[in-house]
Amino acid sequence: MKKVLTVIAFTLVTLVSMAGTIVLEGNYQGKNLYVQNPFAGSGVGFCTYEVTVNGSVTTDEINSSAFEIDFTNFQLQIGEKVVVAIKHKDDCRPKVLNPEVLKPKSTFEVTSMKVSKEGVLEWQTKSETGKLTFVIEQFRWNKWIKIGEVEGKGVADASDYSFQTTPHSGENQFRVKQVDYTGKPRYSKPARHRSMEVEITFSPIKVKDFVDFTSETMFEIYDSYGNIVKKGFANKVDVSNLSKGIYYLNYDNSTNKFIKK
């Protein structure tokens, strides 16, 4: 009896050691997975012996050199969480040909976008199919710059978002974007906002220690080679550690220059 138990235990250990699992997690985007399925290393049978989707065994025919994991059998909703486990023998490894179909894709549509009197950017979206970060950008100094992030909800229904901006004086433009696995950004149309704040100025032109602004502002300082040396949000900037020379200053909605003495 002891010998029989030993043999059974050895067999179980052997089976466990001969198994591997490929796990893919993501969101259902309406497309199926395709798997290249080689023969087992022993030459007997195919590599994959079981596939599960969210814990349920699939009914797909996997005893072939290539097979499809058909998500329509599971009645998934677009954007729904998916965990796929492909169990295979240890002496071989199947290959998923299109794993990117489970990665979040930027599909949002902005149904409304506005900026309140207090400078709060508010937007509503629909048709999101995966959780991706919204990057908020503001048009300053003849370029779009990032001013913050808000996590997307990743649902197809209407979703509301907001972000506190810091408008500069005069005409402002704001937009949001997402970047998915393709690396290609998806942008909203810009929302415009006119600020009644007084235009900010700075002094002095020839600086020894500090650049002073008439009010707090976002700023960037570049050297004569185009390298950014300081940036931030303040009403006074310590430039005492900068070398002598000409520097270019972006602030409020203006671009100017000063000389470091």
C-alpha atoms as a PDB file:
ATOM      1  CA  MET A   1       0.000   0.000   0.000  1.00  0.00           C
ATOM      2  CA  LYS A   2       2.818   2.362   0.908  1.00  0.00           C
ATOM      3  CA  LYS A   3       4.488   1.621  -2.419  1.00  0.00           C
ATOM      4  CA  VAL A   4       1.265   2.396  -4.288  1.00  0.00           C
ATOM      5  CA  LEU A   5       0.890   5.750  -2.467  1.00  0.00           C
ATOM      6  CA  THR A   6       4.495   6.590  -3.259  1.00  0.00           C
ATOM      7  CA  VAL A   7       3.890   5.925  -6.953  1.00  0.00           C
ATOM      8  CA  ILE A   8       0.734   8.070  -6.945  1.00  0.00           C
ATOM      9  CA  ALA A   9       2.543  10.926  -5.192  1.00  0.00           C
ATOM     10  CA  PHE A  10       5.430  10.703  -7.663  1.00  0.00           C
ATOM     11  CA  THR A  11       2.980  10.781 -10.563  1.00  0.00           C
ATOM     12  CA  LEU A  12       1.232  13.894  -9.209  1.00  0.00           C
ATOM     13  CA  VAL A  13       4.541  15.700  -8.713  1.00  0.00           C
ATOM     14  CA  THR A  14       5.587  14.759 -12.232  1.00  0.00           C
ATOM     15  CA  LEU A  15       2.336  16.073 -13.719  1.00  0.00           C
ATOM     16  CA  VAL A  16       2.683  19.362 -11.862  1.00  0.00           C
ATOM     17  CA  SER A  17       6.287  19.790 -12.921  1.00  0.00           C
ATOM     18  CA  MET A  18       5.361  19.141 -16.544  1.00  0.00           C
ATOM     19  CA  ALA A  19       2.753  21.900 -16.668  1.00  0.00           C
ATOM     20  CA  GLY A  20       3.010  25.634 -17.365  1.00  0.00           C
ATOM     21  CA  THR A  21       0.504  28.469 -17.648  1.00  0.00           C
ATOM     22  CA  ILE A  22       0.456  31.617 -19.767  1.00  0.00           C
ATOM     23  CA  VAL A  23      -1.789  34.267 -18.212  1.00  0.00           C
ATOM     24  CA  LEU A  24      -3.076  37.282 -20.141  1.00  0.00           C
ATOM     25  CA  GLU A  25      -5.072  40.045 -18.442  1.00  0.00           C
ATOM     26  CA  GLY A  26      -6.844  42.949 -20.053  1.00  0.00           C
ATOM     27  CA  ASN A  27     -10.188  44.218 -21.277  1.00  0.00           C
ATOM     28  CA  TYR A  28     -12.480  42.764 -23.920  1.00  0.00           C
ATOM     29  CA  GLN A  29     -12.272  44.910 -27.055  1.00  0.00           C
ATOM     30  CA  GLY A  30     -14.559  42.871 -29.307  1.00  0.00           C
ATOM     31  CA  LYS A  31     -11.785  40.750 -30.847  1.00  0.00           C
ATOM     32  CA  ASN A  32     -10.664  37.150 -30.303  1.00  0.00           C
ATOM     33  CA  LEU A  33      -7.214  35.774 -29.475  1.00  0.00           C
ATOM     34  CA  TYR A  34      -5.276  33.514 -31.856  1.00  0.00           C
ATOM     35  CA  VAL A  35      -2.790  30.969 -30.545  1.00  0.00           C
ATOM     36  CA  GLN A  36      -0.009  29.115 -32.339  1.00  0.00           C
ATOM     37  CA  ASN A  37       0.067  25.665 -30.752  1.00  0.00           C
ATOM     38  CA  PRO A  38       3.153  23.470 -31.417  1.00  0.00           C
ATOM     39  CA  PHE A  39       3.465  19.753 -30.745  1.00  0.00           C
ATOM     40  CA  ALA A  40       4.579  18.700 -27.289  1.00  0.00           C
ATOM     41  CA  GLY A  41       8.313  18.155 -26.896  1.00  0.00           C
ATOM     42  CA  SER A  42       7.727  14.417 -26.684  1.00  0.00           C
ATOM     43  CA  GLY A  43       6.108  14.506 -30.120  1.00  0.00           C
ATOM     44  CA  VAL A  44       2.875  13.125 -28.709  1.00  0.00           C
ATOM     45  CA  GLY A  45      -0.110  15.495 -28.857  1.00  0.00           C
ATOM     46  CA  PHE A  46      -0.225  19.281 -28.918  1.00  0.00           C
ATOM     47  CA  CYS A  47       1.290  21.647 -26.384  1.00  0.00           C
ATOM     48  CA  THR A  48      -1.880  23.263 -24.952  1.00  0.00           C
ATOM     49  CA  TYR A  49      -4.181  21.066 -22.904  1.00  0.00           C
ATOM     50  CA  GLU A  50      -6.627  23.617 -21.369  1.00  0.00           C
ATOM     51  CA  VAL A  51      -7.740  27.231 -21.788  1.00  0.00           C
ATOM     52  CA  THR A  52      -9.861  29.204 -19.321  1.00  0.00           C
ATOM     53  CA  VAL A  53     -11.481  32.622 -19.602  1.00  0.00           C
ATOM     54  CA  ASN A  54     -12.273  34.273 -16.266  1.00  0.00           C
ATOM     55  CA  GLY A  55     -11.965  30.860 -14.636  1.00  0.00           C
ATOM     56  CA  SER A  56     -14.298  29.006 -17.024  1.00  0.00           C
ATOM     57  CA  VAL A  57     -12.932  26.333 -19.367  1.00  0.00           C
ATOM     58  CA  THR A  58     -13.434  27.210 -23.038  1.00  0.00           C
ATOM     59  CA  THR A  59     -15.132  24.894 -25.498  1.00  0.00           C
ATOM     60  CA  ASP A  60     -12.769  25.888 -28.312  1.00  0.00           C
ATOM     61  CA  GLU A  61     -11.040  23.109 -30.236  1.00  0.00           C
ATOM     62  CA  ILE A  62      -7.440  23.371 -29.019  1.00  0.00           C
ATOM     63  CA  ASN A  63      -6.075  20.088 -30.435  1.00  0.00           C
ATOM     64  CA  SER A  64      -4.594  21.677 -33.544  1.00  0.00           C
ATOM     65  CA  SER A  65      -1.505  23.584 -34.608  1.00  0.00           C
ATOM     66  CA  ALA A  66      -3.409  26.877 -34.253  1.00  0.00           C
ATOM     67  CA  PHE A  67      -6.644  27.766 -32.528  1.00  0.00           C
ATOM     68  CA  GLU A  68      -8.896  30.708 -31.702  1.00  0.00           C
ATOM     69  CA  ILE A  69     -10.089  31.734 -28.247  1.00  0.00           C
ATOM     70  CA  ASP A  70     -13.644  32.845 -28.995  1.00  0.00           C
ATOM     71  CA  PHE A  71     -14.882  35.380 -26.438  1.00  0.00           C
ATOM     72  CA  THR A  72     -18.397  35.542 -27.900  1.00  0.00           C
ATOM     73  CA  ASN A  73     -19.190  32.322 -26.039  1.00  0.00           C
ATOM     74  CA  PHE A  74     -18.850  34.226 -22.745  1.00  0.00           C
ATOM     75  CA  GLN A  75     -21.208  37.122 -23.574  1.00  0.00           C
ATOM     76  CA  LEU A  76     -18.667  39.720 -22.494  1.00  0.00           C
ATOM     77  CA  GLN A  77     -19.364  43.439 -22.646  1.00  0.00           C
ATOM     78  CA  ILE A  78     -16.921  45.798 -24.364  1.00  0.00           C
ATOM     79  CA  GLY A  79     -14.387  46.967 -21.784  1.00  0.00           C
ATOM     80  CA  GLU A  80     -15.109  44.097 -19.387  1.00  0.00           C
ATOM     81  CA  LYS A  81     -12.143  42.639 -17.474  1.00  0.00           C
ATOM     82  CA  VAL A  82     -10.720  39.444 -18.995  1.00  0.00           C
ATOM     83  CA  VAL A  83      -8.234  36.933 -17.586  1.00  0.00           C
ATOM     84  CA  VAL A  84      -7.120  34.192 -19.969  1.00  0.00           C
ATOM     85  CA  ALA A  85      -5.079  31.211 -18.741  1.00  0.00           C
ATOM     86  CA  ILE A  86      -3.465  28.932 -21.336  1.00  0.00           C
ATOM     87  CA  LYS A  87      -2.242  25.757 -19.675  1.00  0.00           C
ATOM     88  CA  HIS A  88       0.486  23.874 -21.524  1.00  0.00           C
ATOM     89  CA  LYS A  89       2.990  21.084 -21.121  1.00  0.00           C
ATOM     90  CA  ASP A  90       6.351  22.013 -19.691  1.00  0.00           C
ATOM     91  CA  ASP A  91       8.462  20.896 -22.663  1.00  0.00           C
ATOM     92  CA  CYS A  92       6.842  23.297 -25.124  1.00  0.00           C
ATOM     93  CA  ARG A  93       5.224  26.731 -25.207  1.00  0.00           C
ATOM     94  CA  PRO A  94       2.290  28.041 -27.271  1.00  0.00           C
ATOM     95  CA  LYS A  95       2.475  31.560 -28.708  1.00  0.00           C
ATOM     96  CA  VAL A  96      -0.329  34.125 -28.548  1.00  0.00           C
ATOM     97  CA  LEU A  97      -0.234  35.904 -31.903  1.00  0.00           C
ATOM     98  CA  ASN A  98      -2.247  39.022 -31.034  1.00  0.00           C
ATOM     99  CA  PRO A  99      -2.099  39.738 -27.274  1.00  0.00           C
ATOM    100  CA  GLU A 100      -2.618  43.452 -27.941  1.00  0.00           C
ATOM    101  CA  VAL A 101      -6.366  42.883 -28.496  1.00  0.00           C
ATOM    102  CA  LEU A 102      -6.791  42.763 -24.698  1.00  0.00           C
ATOM    103  CA  LYS A 103      -4.891  45.987 -24.070  1.00  0.00           C
ATOM    104  CA  PRO A 104      -6.910  49.164 -23.378  1.00  0.00           C
ATOM    105  CA  LYS A 105      -7.496  51.197 -26.504  1.00  0.00           C
ATOM    106  CA  SER A 106      -8.324  54.875 -26.557  1.00  0.00           C
ATOM    107  CA  THR A 107     -11.844  55.148 -27.962  1.00  0.00           C
ATOM    108  CA  PHE A 108     -13.288  57.995 -25.895  1.00  0.00           C
ATOM    109  CA  GLU A 109     -15.639  60.556 -27.404  1.00  0.00           C
ATOM    110  CA  VAL A 110     -16.046  63.916 -25.683  1.00  0.00           C
ATOM    111  CA  THR A 111     -19.721  64.897 -25.572  1.00  0.00           C
ATOM    112  CA  SER A 112     -19.143  68.200 -23.738  1.00  0.00           C
ATOM    113  CA  MET A 113     -16.213  70.260 -22.482  1.00  0.00           C
ATOM    114  CA  LYS A 114     -16.110  73.652 -20.796  1.00  0.00           C
ATOM    115  CA  VAL A 115     -14.109  75.768 -18.338  1.00  0.00           C
ATOM    116  CA  SER A 116     -15.881  77.353 -15.387  1.00  0.00           C
ATOM    117  CA  LYS A 117     -15.300  80.909 -14.137  1.00  0.00           C
ATOM    118  CA  GLU A 118     -13.109  79.378 -11.426  1.00  0.00           C
ATOM    119  CA  GLY A 119     -10.904  77.724 -14.050  1.00  0.00           C
ATOM    120  CA  VAL A 120     -12.221  74.170 -13.577  1.00  0.00           C
ATOM    121  CA  LEU A 121     -12.042  72.143 -16.794  1.00  0.00           C
ATOM    122  CA  GLU A 122     -15.084  69.858 -16.977  1.00  0.00           C
ATOM    123  CA  TRP A 123     -15.659  67.242 -19.648  1.00  0.00           C
ATOM    124  CA  GLN A 124     -17.965  64.320 -20.283  1.00  0.00           C
ATOM    125  CA  THR A 125     -17.103  61.264 -22.352  1.00  0.00           C
ATOM    126  CA  LYS A 126     -18.734  58.157 -23.745  1.00  0.00           C
ATOM    127  CA  SER A 127     -17.532  54.976 -25.497  1.00  0.00           C
ATOM    128  CA  GLU A 128     -14.461  54.327 -23.315  1.00  0.00           C
ATOM    129  CA  THR A 129     -13.384  50.671 -23.586  1.00  0.00           C
ATOM    130  CA  GLY A 130     -10.454  50.515 -21.191  1.00  0.00           C
ATOM    131  CA  LYS A 131      -8.962  52.398 -18.266  1.00  0.00           C
ATOM    132  CA  LEU A 132      -6.438  54.902 -19.587  1.00  0.00           C
ATOM    133  CA  THR A 133      -5.104  58.136 -18.107  1.00  0.00           C
ATOM    134  CA  PHE A 134      -6.397  61.442 -19.421  1.00  0.00           C
ATOM    135  CA  VAL A 135      -3.542  63.934 -19.814  1.00  0.00           C
ATOM    136  CA  ILE A 136      -4.663  67.561 -19.509  1.00  0.00           C
ATOM    137  CA  GLU A 137      -2.817  70.059 -21.693  1.00  0.00           C
ATOM    138  CA  GLN A 138      -2.828  73.838 -21.897  1.00  0.00           C
ATOM    139  CA  PHE A 139      -1.712  75.931 -24.867  1.00  0.00           C
ATOM    140  CA  ARG A 140       1.014  78.280 -23.624  1.00  0.00           C
ATOM    141  CA  TRP A 141       3.964  79.948 -25.282  1.00  0.00           C
ATOM    142  CA  ASN A 142       2.965  78.630 -28.724  1.00  0.00           C
ATOM    143  CA  LYS A 143       2.979  74.980 -27.608  1.00  0.00           C
ATOM    144  CA  TRP A 144       0.831  72.445 -25.770  1.00  0.00           C
ATOM    145  CA  ILE A 145       2.163  71.654 -22.300  1.00  0.00           C
ATOM    146  CA  LYS A 146       1.044  69.025 -19.800  1.00  0.00           C
ATOM    147  CA  ILE A 147      -0.564  70.448 -16.662  1.00  0.00           C
ATOM    148  CA  GLY A 148      -2.027  67.349 -15.025  1.00  0.00           C
ATOM    149  CA  GLU A 149      -3.590  63.883 -15.218  1.00  0.00           C
ATOM    150  CA  VAL A 150      -6.943  62.284 -14.392  1.00  0.00           C
ATOM    151  CA  GLU A 151      -7.529  58.520 -14.409  1.00  0.00           C
ATOM    152  CA  GLY A 152     -10.131  57.391 -16.943  1.00  0.00           C
ATOM    153  CA  LYS A 153     -13.054  55.224 -15.848  1.00  0.00           C
ATOM    154  CA  GLY A 154     -12.935  52.990 -18.918  1.00  0.00           C
ATOM    155  CA  VAL A 155     -16.683  52.463 -19.293  1.00  0.00           C
ATOM    156  CA  ALA A 156     -18.932  52.825 -22.321  1.00  0.00           C
ATOM    157  CA  ASP A 157     -21.547  54.859 -20.461  1.00  0.00           C
ATOM    158  CA  ALA A 158     -21.325  58.608 -19.868  1.00  0.00           C
ATOM    159  CA  SER A 159     -18.460  59.580 -17.532  1.00  0.00           C
ATOM    160  CA  ASP A 160     -17.848  62.993 -15.970  1.00  0.00           C
ATOM    161  CA  TYR A 161     -14.401  64.419 -15.202  1.00  0.00           C
ATOM    162  CA  SER A 162     -12.970  67.672 -13.859  1.00  0.00           C
ATOM    163  CA  PHE A 163      -9.569  69.264 -13.295  1.00  0.00           C
ATOM    164  CA  GLN A 164      -8.578  72.559 -11.669  1.00  0.00           C
ATOM    165  CA  THR A 165      -6.510  74.554 -14.162  1.00  0.00           C
ATOM    166  CA  THR A 166      -4.468  77.718 -13.713  1.00  0.00           C
ATOM    167  CA  PRO A 167      -5.498  80.016 -16.579  1.00  0.00           C
ATOM    168  CA  HIS A 168      -3.124  82.701 -17.782  1.00  0.00           C
ATOM    169  CA  SER A 169      -4.353  86.184 -18.615  1.00  0.00           C
ATOM    170  CA  GLY A 170      -6.337  86.571 -21.838  1.00  0.00           C
ATOM    171  CA  GLU A 171      -7.444  83.739 -24.123  1.00  0.00           C
ATOM    172  CA  ASN A 172      -6.807  80.170 -22.895  1.00  0.00           C
ATOM    173  CA  GLN A 173      -7.106  76.780 -24.579  1.00  0.00           C
ATOM    174  CA  PHE A 174      -7.279  73.381 -22.858  1.00  0.00           C
ATOM    175  CA  ARG A 175      -7.596  69.842 -24.181  1.00  0.00           C
ATOM    176  CA  VAL A 176      -7.328  66.236 -22.983  1.00  0.00           C
ATOM    177  CA  LYS A 177      -5.599  63.288 -24.591  1.00  0.00           C
ATOM    178  CA  GLN A 178      -5.012  59.568 -24.074  1.00  0.00           C
ATOM    179  CA  VAL A 179      -2.175  57.407 -25.377  1.00  0.00           C
ATOM    180  CA  ASP A 180      -2.832  53.665 -25.707  1.00  0.00           C
ATOM    181  CA  TYR A 181      -0.564  50.721 -26.585  1.00  0.00           C
ATOM    182  CA  THR A 182      -0.223  51.933 -30.181  1.00  0.00           C
ATOM    183  CA  GLY A 183       1.665  55.008 -28.942  1.00  0.00           C
ATOM    184  CA  LYS A 184      -0.622  57.259 -30.995  1.00  0.00           C
ATOM    185  CA  PRO A 185      -2.336  60.000 -28.942  1.00  0.00           C
ATOM    186  CA  ARG A 186      -6.076  60.631 -29.183  1.00  0.00           C
ATOM    187  CA  TYR A 187      -7.054  64.265 -28.577  1.00  0.00           C
ATOM    188  CA  SER A 188     -10.214  66.114 -27.681  1.00  0.00           C
ATOM    189  CA  LYS A 189     -11.052  69.375 -29.376  1.00  0.00           C
ATOM    190  CA  PRO A 190      -9.777  72.402 -27.404  1.00  0.00           C
ATOM    191  CA  ALA A 191     -12.005  74.187 -24.910  1.00  0.00           C
ATOM    192  CA  ARG A 192     -11.550  77.968 -24.821  1.00  0.00           C
ATOM    193  CA  HIS A 193     -11.671  80.237 -21.794  1.00  0.00           C
ATOM    194  CA  ARG A 194     -11.029  83.963 -21.459  1.00  0.00           C
ATOM    195  CA  SER A 195      -9.466  85.017 -18.186  1.00  0.00           C
ATOM    196  CA  MET A 196     -10.037  88.557 -16.913  1.00  0.00           C
ATOM    197  CA  GLU A 197      -6.847  88.468 -14.834  1.00  0.00           C
ATOM    198  CA  VAL A 198      -4.442  91.363 -15.327  1.00  0.00           C
ATOM    199  CA  GLU A 199      -1.487  90.533 -17.571  1.00  0.00           C
ATOM    200  CA  ILE A 200       1.600  89.651 -15.543  1.00  0.00           C
ATOM    201  CA  THR A 201       4.948  91.407 -16.028  1.00  0.00           C
ATOM    202  CA  PHE A 202       8.427  90.733 -14.672  1.00  0.00           C
ATOM    203  CA  SER A 203      11.491  92.706 -13.569  1.00  0.00           C
ATOM    204  CA  PRO A 204      14.332  93.478 -13.755  1.00  0.00           C
ATOM    205  CA  ILE A 205      15.731  92.979 -17.248  1.00  0.00           C
ATOM    206  CA  LYS A 206      19.260  92.787 -15.847  1.00  0.00           C
ATOM    207  CA  VAL A 207      19.172  90.319 -12.971  1.00  0.00           C
ATOM    208  CA  LYS A 208      21.627  89.571 -10.203  1.00  0.00           C
ATOM    209  CA  ASP A 209      19.678  87.309  -7.815  1.00  0.00           C
ATOM    210  CA  PHE A 210      15.880  87.221  -8.393  1.00  0.00           C
ATOM    211  CA  VAL A 211      13.332  87.545 -11.169  1.00  0.00           C
ATOM    212  CA  ASP A 212      10.143  89.090  -9.765  1.00  0.00           C
ATOM    213  CA  PHE A 213       6.665  88.680 -11.273  1.00  0.00           C
ATOM    214  CA  THR A 214       3.743  90.990 -10.479  1.00  0.00           C
ATOM    215  CA  SER A 215       1.711  87.895  -9.549  1.00  0.00           C
ATOM    216  CA  GLU A 216       2.169  84.125  -9.239  1.00  0.00           C
ATOM    217  CA  THR A 217       2.602  82.460 -12.613  1.00  0.00           C
ATOM    218  CA  MET A 218       3.765  79.322 -14.322  1.00  0.00           C
ATOM    219  CA  PHE A 219       7.232  79.907 -15.781  1.00  0.00           C
ATOM    220  CA  GLU A 220      10.085  78.335 -17.736  1.00  0.00           C
ATOM    221  CA  ILE A 221      13.640  79.639 -18.105  1.00  0.00           C
ATOM    222  CA  TYR A 222      15.870  78.541 -21.007  1.00  0.00           C
ATOM    223  CA  ASP A 223      19.530  79.229 -21.605  1.00  0.00           C
ATOM    224  CA  SER A 224      20.904  80.473 -24.919  1.00  0.00           C
ATOM    225  CA  TYR A 225      21.289  76.859 -26.139  1.00  0.00           C
ATOM    226  CA  GLY A 226      17.620  76.075 -25.610  1.00  0.00           C
ATOM    227  CA  ASN A 227      18.118  74.006 -22.450  1.00  0.00           C
ATOM    228  CA  ILE A 228      15.516  74.431 -19.747  1.00  0.00           C
ATOM    229  CA  VAL A 229      17.233  75.453 -16.491  1.00  0.00           C
ATOM    230  CA  LYS A 230      14.284  76.294 -14.233  1.00  0.00           C
ATOM    231  CA  LYS A 231      10.524  75.839 -14.248  1.00  0.00           C
ATOM    232  CA  GLY A 232       7.695  76.061 -11.757  1.00  0.00           C
ATOM    233  CA  PHE A 233       4.917  78.254 -10.374  1.00  0.00           C
ATOM    234  CA  ALA A 234       5.867  81.278  -8.261  1.00  0.00           C
ATOM    235  CA  ASN A 235       5.987  85.070  -8.012  1.00  0.00           C
ATOM    236  CA  LYS A 236       9.772  85.135  -7.469  1.00  0.00           C
ATOM    237  CA  VAL A 237      12.544  82.984  -8.959  1.00  0.00           C
ATOM    238  CA  ASP A 238      16.040  82.646  -7.541  1.00  0.00           C
ATOM    239  CA  VAL A 239      18.499  82.785 -10.472  1.00  0.00           C
ATOM    240  CA  SER A 240      21.626  83.561  -8.404  1.00  0.00           C
ATOM    241  CA  ASN A 241      23.138  80.169  -9.325  1.00  0.00           C
ATOM    242  CA  LEU A 242      22.842  80.749 -13.082  1.00  0.00           C
ATOM    243  CA  SER A 243      25.877  81.678 -15.142  1.00  0.00           C
ATOM    244  CA  LYS A 244      26.144  85.126 -16.693  1.00  0.00           C
ATOM    245  CA  GLY A 245      24.455  85.495 -20.057  1.00  0.00           C
ATOM    246  CA  ILE A 246      21.138  85.846 -21.891  1.00  0.00           C
ATOM    247  CA  TYR A 247      18.140  83.722 -20.791  1.00  0.00           C
ATOM    248  CA  TYR A 248      14.689  83.289 -22.295  1.00  0.00           C
ATOM    249  CA  LEU A 249      11.686  83.475 -19.983  1.00  0.00           C
ATOM    250  CA  ASN A 250       8.214  82.017 -20.559  1.00  0.00           C
ATOM    251  CA  TYR A 251       5.590  83.265 -18.092  1.00  0.00           C
ATOM    252  CA  ASP A 252       1.851  83.989 -18.009  1.00  0.00           C
ATOM    253  CA  ASN A 253       1.029  84.123 -21.751  1.00  0.00           C
ATOM    254  CA  SER A 254       4.256  85.895 -22.720  1.00  0.00           C
ATOM    255  CA  THR A 255       7.818  85.119 -23.794  1.00  0.00           C
ATOM    256  CA  ASN A 256      10.655  87.511 -23.015  1.00  0.00           C
ATOM    257  CA  LYS A 257      14.343  87.499 -22.096  1.00  0.00           C
ATOM    258  CA  PHE A 258      16.622  88.797 -19.363  1.00  0.00           C
ATOM    259  CA  ILE A 259      20.346  89.180 -18.786  1.00  0.00           C
ATOM    260  CA  LYS A 260      21.998  87.466 -15.846  1.00  0.00           C
ATOM    261  CA  LYS A 261      24.719  89.733 -14.477  1.00  0.00           C
END
